[in-house]
Amino acid sequence: MSKVKFPREKALAVAKELCAALAPVTDRLIVAGSLRRRKLEVGDVEILFIPKTELRNLEFFTKTPVCLAGEVLSQLLQNGVLQQRKNVNGSTMWGAKNKMAVHAASGIPVDLFTATYGNWFNYLVCRTGSAENNMAIATAAQAKGWKWNPYAAGFTRADGREVHRVESEKGVFDFVGLPYKKPWER
């Protein structure tokens, strides 16, 4: 069964709408996936962000961090802009790190990914794709005795005792010995 594709312009409009809502409550924000790779048709909109947090009073002497981006996304759900999307197993995924939604007005699937400063560049390369590019990075890392963990620490040795972090997208490619590819070349 082939995946439904949407015109780039329609998906860009959804991405712009959601990024405008998230920009004030994030430290970093970017559209990834096939939109970033400049594809003319896309299966979804992928947005990667580092949320801002705010300490709020819980009780008299207790403060708790609150994810401001999470509050905005909850409001978009309440207002009917987004709807939670079911996965192939029929359950929704709306967790602290990954949120799968549908933009209600357009019907375009939206994947929202929460990153950290520590995993930003690995996560960005992975969420930009392509699947073939990601496989090449993982395979090259493995050939050098490393494992690519794009959602966690980045590159780790098999025993987990050694971690290598990167400071740029190019750093991901450099570390595994692959030539850097711009997003639209992936």
N, C-alpha and C. Protein backbone atom coordinates (compact mmCIF):
# COMPACT_ATOMS: atom_id res chain seq x y z
N MET A 1 0.84 -1.18 0.00
CA MET A 1 0.00 0.00 0.00
C MET A 1 0.88 1.24 0.00
N SER A 2 0.66 2.14 -0.94
CA SER A 2 1.49 3.34 -1.02
C SER A 2 0.97 4.42 -0.08
N LYS A 3 1.90 5.19 0.42
CA LYS A 3 1.59 6.26 1.35
C LYS A 3 1.02 7.46 0.59
N VAL A 4 0.01 8.10 1.16
CA VAL A 4 -0.58 9.29 0.56
C VAL A 4 0.46 10.41 0.57
N LYS A 5 0.57 11.12 -0.52
CA LYS A 5 1.51 12.24 -0.64
C LYS A 5 0.73 13.54 -0.77
N PHE A 6 1.35 14.61 -0.29
CA PHE A 6 0.73 15.94 -0.32
C PHE A 6 1.66 16.90 -1.05
N PRO A 7 1.09 17.87 -1.77
CA PRO A 7 1.93 18.85 -2.47
C PRO A 7 2.78 19.65 -1.48
N ARG A 8 4.00 19.93 -1.89
CA ARG A 8 4.94 20.68 -1.06
C ARG A 8 4.34 21.99 -0.54
N GLU A 9 3.69 22.75 -1.40
CA GLU A 9 3.17 24.06 -0.99
C GLU A 9 2.13 23.93 0.12
N LYS A 10 1.30 22.92 0.03
CA LYS A 10 0.28 22.70 1.06
C LYS A 10 0.94 22.32 2.39
N ALA A 11 1.95 21.45 2.32
CA ALA A 11 2.66 21.03 3.52
C ALA A 11 3.46 22.19 4.12
N LEU A 12 4.04 23.02 3.27
CA LEU A 12 4.78 24.20 3.77
C LEU A 12 3.87 25.15 4.52
N ALA A 13 2.65 25.31 4.05
CA ALA A 13 1.69 26.19 4.73
C ALA A 13 1.39 25.66 6.14
N VAL A 14 1.24 24.35 6.26
CA VAL A 14 1.01 23.73 7.57
C VAL A 14 2.24 23.94 8.46
N ALA A 15 3.42 23.70 7.91
CA ALA A 15 4.66 23.86 8.66
C ALA A 15 4.81 25.30 9.16
N LYS A 16 4.51 26.26 8.31
CA LYS A 16 4.62 27.67 8.70
C LYS A 16 3.64 28.01 9.81
N GLU A 17 2.43 27.50 9.72
CA GLU A 17 1.42 27.75 10.75
C GLU A 17 1.88 27.21 12.11
N LEU A 18 2.36 25.98 12.12
CA LEU A 18 2.78 25.36 13.36
C LEU A 18 4.06 25.98 13.91
N CYS A 19 4.99 26.30 13.03
CA CYS A 19 6.22 26.95 13.47
C CYS A 19 5.95 28.33 14.06
N ALA A 20 4.99 29.06 13.49
CA ALA A 20 4.63 30.37 14.04
C ALA A 20 4.08 30.23 15.45
N ALA A 21 3.32 29.18 15.70
CA ALA A 21 2.77 28.94 17.04
C ALA A 21 3.87 28.51 18.02
N LEU A 22 4.83 27.73 17.55
CA LEU A 22 5.87 27.18 18.42
C LEU A 22 7.08 28.10 18.63
N ALA A 23 7.34 28.98 17.70
CA ALA A 23 8.56 29.80 17.75
C ALA A 23 8.74 30.53 19.09
N PRO A 24 7.72 31.16 19.65
CA PRO A 24 7.93 31.87 20.91
C PRO A 24 8.25 30.97 22.11
N VAL A 25 7.95 29.68 22.01
CA VAL A 25 8.11 28.78 23.16
C VAL A 25 9.19 27.72 22.91
N THR A 26 10.07 27.98 21.95
CA THR A 26 11.17 27.05 21.67
C THR A 26 12.49 27.82 21.60
N ASP A 27 13.57 27.11 21.92
CA ASP A 27 14.91 27.69 21.78
C ASP A 27 15.48 27.42 20.40
N ARG A 28 15.11 26.28 19.82
CA ARG A 28 15.49 25.93 18.45
C ARG A 28 14.28 25.29 17.81
N LEU A 29 14.12 25.53 16.51
CA LEU A 29 12.94 25.04 15.80
C LEU A 29 13.29 24.92 14.33
N ILE A 30 12.98 23.76 13.74
CA ILE A 30 13.28 23.59 12.31
C ILE A 30 12.32 22.57 11.71
N VAL A 31 12.01 22.76 10.45
CA VAL A 31 11.24 21.78 9.70
C VAL A 31 12.24 20.79 9.12
N ALA A 32 12.00 19.51 9.34
CA ALA A 32 12.92 18.47 8.88
C ALA A 32 12.23 17.63 7.80
N GLY A 33 12.65 16.38 7.68
CA GLY A 33 12.01 15.44 6.76
C GLY A 33 12.12 15.83 5.30
N SER A 34 11.15 15.34 4.54
CA SER A 34 11.19 15.53 3.09
C SER A 34 10.96 16.99 2.68
N LEU A 35 10.31 17.78 3.55
CA LEU A 35 10.20 19.21 3.24
C LEU A 35 11.59 19.85 3.24
N ARG A 36 12.39 19.51 4.21
CA ARG A 36 13.76 20.06 4.28
C ARG A 36 14.61 19.55 3.12
N ARG A 37 14.28 18.36 2.64
CA ARG A 37 15.02 17.81 1.49
C ARG A 37 14.48 18.35 0.16
N ARG A 38 13.52 19.26 0.25
CA ARG A 38 12.95 19.97 -0.91
C ARG A 38 12.18 19.05 -1.88
N LYS A 39 11.54 18.03 -1.35
CA LYS A 39 10.73 17.14 -2.18
C LYS A 39 9.46 17.87 -2.63
N LEU A 40 8.99 17.56 -3.82
CA LEU A 40 7.80 18.21 -4.36
C LEU A 40 6.52 17.65 -3.76
N GLU A 41 6.58 16.41 -3.30
CA GLU A 41 5.45 15.79 -2.60
C GLU A 41 5.98 15.16 -1.33
N VAL A 42 5.22 15.28 -0.24
CA VAL A 42 5.67 14.77 1.05
C VAL A 42 4.56 13.95 1.70
N GLY A 43 4.96 13.03 2.57
CA GLY A 43 3.99 12.21 3.28
C GLY A 43 3.55 12.82 4.60
N ASP A 44 4.36 13.76 5.12
CA ASP A 44 4.03 14.39 6.39
C ASP A 44 4.87 15.64 6.57
N VAL A 45 4.59 16.34 7.66
CA VAL A 45 5.38 17.50 8.08
C VAL A 45 6.10 17.07 9.35
N GLU A 46 7.42 17.20 9.36
CA GLU A 46 8.20 16.86 10.55
C GLU A 46 8.81 18.13 11.11
N ILE A 47 8.59 18.34 12.40
CA ILE A 47 9.12 19.52 13.07
C ILE A 47 9.93 19.07 14.28
N LEU A 48 11.15 19.57 14.35
CA LEU A 48 12.07 19.27 15.44
C LEU A 48 12.28 20.55 16.24
N PHE A 49 12.25 20.44 17.57
CA PHE A 49 12.40 21.64 18.38
C PHE A 49 13.00 21.33 19.74
N ILE A 50 13.62 22.36 20.33
CA ILE A 50 14.04 22.33 21.72
C ILE A 50 13.10 23.28 22.45
N PRO A 51 12.28 22.76 23.36
CA PRO A 51 11.30 23.61 24.02
C PRO A 51 11.90 24.48 25.11
N LYS A 52 11.27 25.61 25.34
CA LYS A 52 11.58 26.42 26.51
C LYS A 52 10.79 25.85 27.68
N THR A 53 11.36 25.97 28.86
CA THR A 53 10.65 25.57 30.06
C THR A 53 10.56 26.75 31.01
N GLU A 54 9.63 26.64 31.92
CA GLU A 54 9.42 27.69 32.90
C GLU A 54 9.15 27.02 34.24
N LEU A 55 9.78 27.51 35.31
CA LEU A 55 9.50 26.99 36.64
C LEU A 55 8.22 27.62 37.16
N ARG A 56 7.30 26.77 37.60
CA ARG A 56 6.03 27.27 38.13
C ARG A 56 5.79 26.69 39.52
N ASN A 57 5.12 27.47 40.34
CA ASN A 57 4.78 27.03 41.69
C ASN A 57 3.77 25.91 41.63
N LEU A 58 4.09 24.84 42.31
CA LEU A 58 3.17 23.72 42.46
C LEU A 58 2.40 23.87 43.77
N GLU A 59 3.16 24.05 44.81
CA GLU A 59 2.61 24.28 46.14
C GLU A 59 3.40 25.42 46.75
N PHE A 60 3.31 25.51 48.04
CA PHE A 60 3.97 26.60 48.74
C PHE A 60 5.45 26.76 48.41
N PHE A 61 6.24 25.71 48.60
CA PHE A 61 7.69 25.81 48.40
C PHE A 61 8.19 24.91 47.28
N THR A 62 7.30 24.43 46.45
CA THR A 62 7.69 23.49 45.40
C THR A 62 7.46 24.11 44.03
N LYS A 63 8.51 24.09 43.22
CA LYS A 63 8.40 24.55 41.84
C LYS A 63 8.65 23.38 40.91
N THR A 64 8.01 23.40 39.78
CA THR A 64 8.19 22.32 38.81
C THR A 64 8.40 22.93 37.43
N PRO A 65 9.28 22.32 36.61
CA PRO A 65 9.46 22.83 35.24
C PRO A 65 8.26 22.47 34.37
N VAL A 66 7.83 23.42 33.58
CA VAL A 66 6.70 23.23 32.66
C VAL A 66 7.21 23.46 31.25
N CYS A 67 6.91 22.55 30.35
CA CYS A 67 7.30 22.66 28.94
C CYS A 67 6.31 23.59 28.24
N LEU A 68 6.79 24.75 27.84
CA LEU A 68 5.91 25.74 27.21
C LEU A 68 5.43 25.29 25.84
N ALA A 69 6.27 24.60 25.10
CA ALA A 69 5.85 24.09 23.79
C ALA A 69 4.74 23.06 23.96
N GLY A 70 4.86 22.24 25.00
CA GLY A 70 3.81 21.26 25.28
C GLY A 70 2.48 21.92 25.53
N GLU A 71 2.50 23.05 26.23
CA GLU A 71 1.25 23.79 26.49
C GLU A 71 0.65 24.32 25.18
N VAL A 72 1.50 24.84 24.31
CA VAL A 72 1.01 25.35 23.02
C VAL A 72 0.41 24.21 22.19
N LEU A 73 1.10 23.08 22.17
CA LEU A 73 0.58 21.94 21.39
C LEU A 73 -0.73 21.42 21.98
N SER A 74 -0.85 21.42 23.28
CA SER A 74 -2.12 21.02 23.91
C SER A 74 -3.24 21.99 23.53
N GLN A 75 -2.90 23.26 23.46
CA GLN A 75 -3.90 24.26 23.06
C GLN A 75 -4.30 24.07 21.59
N LEU A 76 -3.35 23.72 20.74
CA LEU A 76 -3.68 23.44 19.33
C LEU A 76 -4.61 22.23 19.22
N LEU A 77 -4.41 21.25 20.10
CA LEU A 77 -5.34 20.11 20.14
C LEU A 77 -6.73 20.56 20.58
N GLN A 78 -6.79 21.32 21.67
CA GLN A 78 -8.08 21.80 22.20
C GLN A 78 -8.84 22.65 21.18
N ASN A 79 -8.10 23.45 20.43
CA ASN A 79 -8.73 24.34 19.44
C ASN A 79 -9.05 23.63 18.13
N GLY A 80 -8.69 22.36 18.01
CA GLY A 80 -9.02 21.60 16.82
C GLY A 80 -8.09 21.83 15.64
N VAL A 81 -6.97 22.52 15.86
CA VAL A 81 -5.99 22.72 14.79
C VAL A 81 -5.28 21.40 14.51
N LEU A 82 -4.95 20.69 15.58
CA LEU A 82 -4.32 19.37 15.47
C LEU A 82 -5.22 18.33 16.10
N GLN A 83 -5.07 17.10 15.61
CA GLN A 83 -5.73 15.95 16.22
C GLN A 83 -4.66 14.89 16.42
N GLN A 84 -4.77 14.13 17.51
CA GLN A 84 -3.83 13.04 17.70
C GLN A 84 -4.05 12.01 16.61
N ARG A 85 -2.94 11.44 16.12
CA ARG A 85 -2.99 10.47 15.02
C ARG A 85 -2.74 9.07 15.56
N LYS A 86 -3.48 8.12 15.05
CA LYS A 86 -3.28 6.73 15.45
C LYS A 86 -2.18 6.10 14.60
N ASN A 87 -1.40 5.24 15.25
CA ASN A 87 -0.36 4.51 14.53
C ASN A 87 -0.94 3.23 13.94
N VAL A 88 -0.09 2.40 13.36
CA VAL A 88 -0.56 1.18 12.70
C VAL A 88 -1.22 0.21 13.69
N ASN A 89 -0.90 0.34 14.97
CA ASN A 89 -1.50 -0.52 15.99
C ASN A 89 -2.80 0.05 16.55
N GLY A 90 -3.19 1.23 16.06
CA GLY A 90 -4.44 1.84 16.50
C GLY A 90 -4.34 2.66 17.76
N SER A 91 -3.11 2.87 18.26
CA SER A 91 -2.96 3.71 19.45
C SER A 91 -2.32 5.04 19.08
N THR A 92 -2.56 6.03 19.92
CA THR A 92 -1.99 7.36 19.66
C THR A 92 -0.63 7.46 20.33
N MET A 93 0.19 8.35 19.80
CA MET A 93 1.48 8.62 20.39
C MET A 93 1.57 10.12 20.64
N TRP A 94 1.42 10.49 21.89
CA TRP A 94 1.47 11.90 22.29
C TRP A 94 2.25 11.97 23.59
N GLY A 95 3.54 11.70 23.49
CA GLY A 95 4.38 11.65 24.68
C GLY A 95 5.19 12.92 24.87
N ALA A 96 6.09 12.86 25.82
CA ALA A 96 6.93 14.02 26.13
C ALA A 96 7.90 14.33 25.00
N LYS A 97 8.35 13.31 24.28
CA LYS A 97 9.36 13.50 23.23
C LYS A 97 8.78 13.49 21.82
N ASN A 98 7.87 12.59 21.55
CA ASN A 98 7.32 12.44 20.20
C ASN A 98 5.80 12.60 20.23
N LYS A 99 5.31 13.38 19.29
CA LYS A 99 3.88 13.58 19.17
C LYS A 99 3.48 13.39 17.71
N MET A 100 2.55 12.48 17.47
CA MET A 100 2.08 12.22 16.12
C MET A 100 0.67 12.79 16.00
N ALA A 101 0.49 13.67 15.03
CA ALA A 101 -0.77 14.38 14.89
C ALA A 101 -1.19 14.43 13.43
N VAL A 102 -2.36 15.00 13.23
CA VAL A 102 -2.86 15.33 11.90
C VAL A 102 -3.29 16.79 11.97
N HIS A 103 -2.91 17.56 10.97
CA HIS A 103 -3.39 18.93 10.85
C HIS A 103 -4.83 18.83 10.36
N ALA A 104 -5.77 19.23 11.19
CA ALA A 104 -7.19 18.96 10.94
C ALA A 104 -7.69 19.56 9.63
N ALA A 105 -7.35 20.78 9.33
CA ALA A 105 -7.89 21.44 8.14
C ALA A 105 -7.38 20.83 6.84
N SER A 106 -6.13 20.36 6.83
CA SER A 106 -5.53 19.85 5.59
C SER A 106 -5.50 18.32 5.52
N GLY A 107 -5.56 17.66 6.67
CA GLY A 107 -5.43 16.21 6.69
C GLY A 107 -3.99 15.72 6.60
N ILE A 108 -3.04 16.64 6.67
CA ILE A 108 -1.63 16.28 6.55
C ILE A 108 -1.11 15.77 7.90
N PRO A 109 -0.47 14.59 7.91
CA PRO A 109 0.14 14.10 9.14
C PRO A 109 1.27 15.03 9.58
N VAL A 110 1.40 15.20 10.90
CA VAL A 110 2.44 16.04 11.48
C VAL A 110 3.16 15.25 12.57
N ASP A 111 4.47 15.19 12.48
CA ASP A 111 5.29 14.55 13.49
C ASP A 111 6.10 15.62 14.20
N LEU A 112 5.97 15.69 15.52
CA LEU A 112 6.63 16.70 16.33
C LEU A 112 7.63 16.01 17.24
N PHE A 113 8.89 16.44 17.18
CA PHE A 113 9.97 15.78 17.91
C PHE A 113 10.67 16.76 18.84
N THR A 114 10.75 16.41 20.11
CA THR A 114 11.43 17.23 21.11
C THR A 114 12.88 16.77 21.23
N ALA A 115 13.80 17.70 21.02
CA ALA A 115 15.23 17.41 21.10
C ALA A 115 15.83 18.14 22.29
N THR A 116 17.12 17.89 22.52
CA THR A 116 17.89 18.59 23.53
C THR A 116 19.09 19.22 22.83
N TYR A 117 19.81 20.07 23.55
CA TYR A 117 21.04 20.62 22.96
C TYR A 117 22.05 19.51 22.69
N GLY A 118 22.07 18.49 23.54
CA GLY A 118 23.03 17.40 23.39
C GLY A 118 22.79 16.51 22.19
N ASN A 119 21.53 16.35 21.77
CA ASN A 119 21.27 15.46 20.64
C ASN A 119 20.78 16.19 19.39
N TRP A 120 20.76 17.51 19.42
CA TRP A 120 20.17 18.30 18.35
C TRP A 120 20.67 17.91 16.96
N PHE A 121 21.97 17.91 16.74
CA PHE A 121 22.49 17.71 15.38
C PHE A 121 22.30 16.27 14.90
N ASN A 122 22.49 15.30 15.78
CA ASN A 122 22.22 13.92 15.40
C ASN A 122 20.74 13.73 15.07
N TYR A 123 19.89 14.28 15.92
CA TYR A 123 18.44 14.17 15.72
C TYR A 123 18.03 14.86 14.41
N LEU A 124 18.62 16.03 14.14
CA LEU A 124 18.30 16.77 12.93
C LEU A 124 18.69 15.99 11.67
N VAL A 125 19.87 15.40 11.68
CA VAL A 125 20.29 14.59 10.53
C VAL A 125 19.33 13.41 10.35
N CYS A 126 19.02 12.74 11.45
CA CYS A 126 18.14 11.57 11.38
C CYS A 126 16.73 11.95 10.91
N ARG A 127 16.15 12.99 11.47
CA ARG A 127 14.77 13.36 11.13
C ARG A 127 14.70 14.01 9.74
N THR A 128 15.81 14.53 9.24
CA THR A 128 15.82 15.03 7.87
C THR A 128 15.84 13.86 6.90
N GLY A 129 16.52 12.77 7.29
CA GLY A 129 16.57 11.60 6.41
C GLY A 129 17.56 11.83 5.29
N SER A 130 17.41 11.12 4.29
CA SER A 130 16.47 10.06 3.96
C SER A 130 16.79 8.78 4.72
N ALA A 131 15.93 7.78 4.58
CA ALA A 131 16.18 6.48 5.23
C ALA A 131 17.51 5.90 4.75
N GLU A 132 17.79 6.05 3.47
CA GLU A 132 19.05 5.53 2.91
C GLU A 132 20.25 6.25 3.51
N ASN A 133 20.13 7.55 3.68
CA ASN A 133 21.20 8.34 4.29
C ASN A 133 21.44 7.88 5.73
N ASN A 134 20.35 7.68 6.47
CA ASN A 134 20.47 7.25 7.86
C ASN A 134 21.11 5.86 7.96
N MET A 135 20.75 4.98 7.05
CA MET A 135 21.35 3.64 7.03
C MET A 135 22.85 3.73 6.76
N ALA A 136 23.23 4.61 5.85
CA ALA A 136 24.65 4.78 5.52
C ALA A 136 25.43 5.27 6.74
N ILE A 137 24.87 6.21 7.48
CA ILE A 137 25.54 6.73 8.68
C ILE A 137 25.65 5.63 9.73
N ALA A 138 24.56 4.92 9.98
CA ALA A 138 24.57 3.86 10.99
C ALA A 138 25.56 2.75 10.62
N THR A 139 25.60 2.39 9.35
CA THR A 139 26.51 1.34 8.88
C THR A 139 27.96 1.78 8.99
N ALA A 140 28.23 3.02 8.61
CA ALA A 140 29.60 3.54 8.70
C ALA A 140 30.05 3.64 10.15
N ALA A 141 29.14 4.04 11.04
CA ALA A 141 29.47 4.10 12.47
C ALA A 141 29.80 2.71 13.00
N GLN A 142 28.98 1.74 12.62
CA GLN A 142 29.18 0.36 13.08
C GLN A 142 30.53 -0.19 12.60
N ALA A 143 30.88 0.13 11.37
CA ALA A 143 32.16 -0.33 10.82
C ALA A 143 33.35 0.23 11.60
N LYS A 144 33.15 1.38 12.27
CA LYS A 144 34.21 1.99 13.07
C LYS A 144 34.10 1.61 14.55
N GLY A 145 33.17 0.70 14.88
CA GLY A 145 33.02 0.26 16.27
C GLY A 145 32.11 1.13 17.11
N TRP A 146 31.27 1.92 16.46
CA TRP A 146 30.36 2.80 17.17
C TRP A 146 28.91 2.47 16.82
N LYS A 147 28.00 2.93 17.65
CA LYS A 147 26.57 2.81 17.37
C LYS A 147 26.00 4.23 17.30
N TRP A 148 25.19 4.49 16.29
CA TRP A 148 24.57 5.80 16.16
C TRP A 148 23.25 5.79 16.92
N ASN A 149 23.15 6.66 17.90
CA ASN A 149 21.94 6.83 18.71
C ASN A 149 21.45 8.26 18.52
N PRO A 150 20.80 8.55 17.41
CA PRO A 150 20.47 9.95 17.12
C PRO A 150 19.50 10.59 18.10
N TYR A 151 18.72 9.81 18.82
CA TYR A 151 17.75 10.39 19.75
C TYR A 151 18.32 10.53 21.15
N ALA A 152 19.49 9.97 21.36
CA ALA A 152 20.09 10.00 22.69
C ALA A 152 21.42 10.74 22.63
N ALA A 153 22.49 10.04 22.98
CA ALA A 153 23.79 10.69 23.13
C ALA A 153 24.51 10.96 21.82
N GLY A 154 24.09 10.34 20.76
CA GLY A 154 24.79 10.49 19.48
C GLY A 154 25.47 9.20 19.13
N PHE A 155 26.79 9.16 19.26
CA PHE A 155 27.56 7.96 18.96
C PHE A 155 28.08 7.36 20.26
N THR A 156 27.91 6.06 20.42
CA THR A 156 28.42 5.37 21.61
C THR A 156 29.17 4.12 21.18
N ARG A 157 30.14 3.73 21.99
CA ARG A 157 30.81 2.45 21.79
C ARG A 157 29.85 1.35 22.18
N ALA A 158 30.11 0.15 21.70
CA ALA A 158 29.22 -0.99 21.96
C ALA A 158 28.99 -1.20 23.45
N ASP A 159 30.02 -0.98 24.27
CA ASP A 159 29.86 -1.19 25.71
C ASP A 159 29.20 0.00 26.39
N GLY A 160 28.96 1.09 25.64
CA GLY A 160 28.29 2.27 26.17
C GLY A 160 29.15 3.16 27.04
N ARG A 161 30.41 2.82 27.18
CA ARG A 161 31.29 3.60 28.08
C ARG A 161 31.87 4.85 27.44
N GLU A 162 31.88 4.87 26.14
CA GLU A 162 32.46 6.03 25.45
C GLU A 162 31.38 6.66 24.58
N VAL A 163 31.26 7.98 24.69
CA VAL A 163 30.25 8.72 23.94
C VAL A 163 30.95 9.78 23.12
N HIS A 164 30.50 9.95 21.88
CA HIS A 164 31.02 11.03 21.04
C HIS A 164 29.86 11.93 20.62
N ARG A 165 29.95 13.18 20.99
CA ARG A 165 28.92 14.16 20.61
C ARG A 165 29.44 15.00 19.44
N VAL A 166 28.53 15.45 18.63
CA VAL A 166 28.89 16.30 17.49
C VAL A 166 28.30 17.68 17.68
N GLU A 167 28.90 18.66 17.04
CA GLU A 167 28.49 20.05 17.19
C GLU A 167 27.93 20.65 15.91
N SER A 168 27.67 19.78 14.91
CA SER A 168 27.09 20.27 13.66
C SER A 168 26.56 19.07 12.87
N GLU A 169 25.75 19.35 11.87
CA GLU A 169 25.32 18.27 10.98
C GLU A 169 26.52 17.67 10.26
N LYS A 170 27.40 18.52 9.80
CA LYS A 170 28.60 18.04 9.10
C LYS A 170 29.41 17.13 10.01
N GLY A 171 29.42 17.43 11.31
CA GLY A 171 30.14 16.62 12.27
C GLY A 171 29.66 15.19 12.32
N VAL A 172 28.37 14.96 12.07
CA VAL A 172 27.83 13.60 12.02
C VAL A 172 28.49 12.82 10.89
N PHE A 173 28.52 13.44 9.72
CA PHE A 173 29.11 12.80 8.54
C PHE A 173 30.62 12.61 8.73
N ASP A 174 31.29 13.67 9.21
CA ASP A 174 32.74 13.61 9.41
C ASP A 174 33.13 12.48 10.35
N PHE A 175 32.38 12.33 11.45
CA PHE A 175 32.74 11.33 12.46
C PHE A 175 32.74 9.92 11.90
N VAL A 176 31.80 9.63 11.00
CA VAL A 176 31.74 8.27 10.45
C VAL A 176 32.51 8.13 9.14
N GLY A 177 33.11 9.23 8.68
CA GLY A 177 33.94 9.16 7.48
C GLY A 177 33.18 9.23 6.17
N LEU A 178 32.00 9.84 6.20
CA LEU A 178 31.22 10.02 4.97
C LEU A 178 31.28 11.47 4.52
N PRO A 179 31.22 11.70 3.21
CA PRO A 179 31.20 13.10 2.74
C PRO A 179 29.89 13.76 3.16
N TYR A 180 29.99 15.02 3.57
CA TYR A 180 28.80 15.77 3.99
C TYR A 180 27.86 15.97 2.80
N LYS A 181 26.59 15.77 3.05
CA LYS A 181 25.56 16.03 2.05
C LYS A 181 24.60 17.08 2.59
N LYS A 182 24.31 18.07 1.78
CA LYS A 182 23.30 19.06 2.15
C LYS A 182 21.94 18.34 2.19
N PRO A 183 20.99 18.89 2.96
CA PRO A 183 19.70 18.20 3.12
C PRO A 183 19.06 17.77 1.79
N TRP A 184 19.07 18.61 0.78
CA TRP A 184 18.41 18.29 -0.48
C TRP A 184 19.21 17.29 -1.32
N GLU A 185 20.41 16.96 -0.89
CA GLU A 185 21.21 15.93 -1.56
C GLU A 185 21.00 14.55 -0.91
N ARG A 186 20.27 14.54 0.19
CA ARG A 186 20.09 13.30 0.92
C ARG A 186 18.86 12.60 0.40
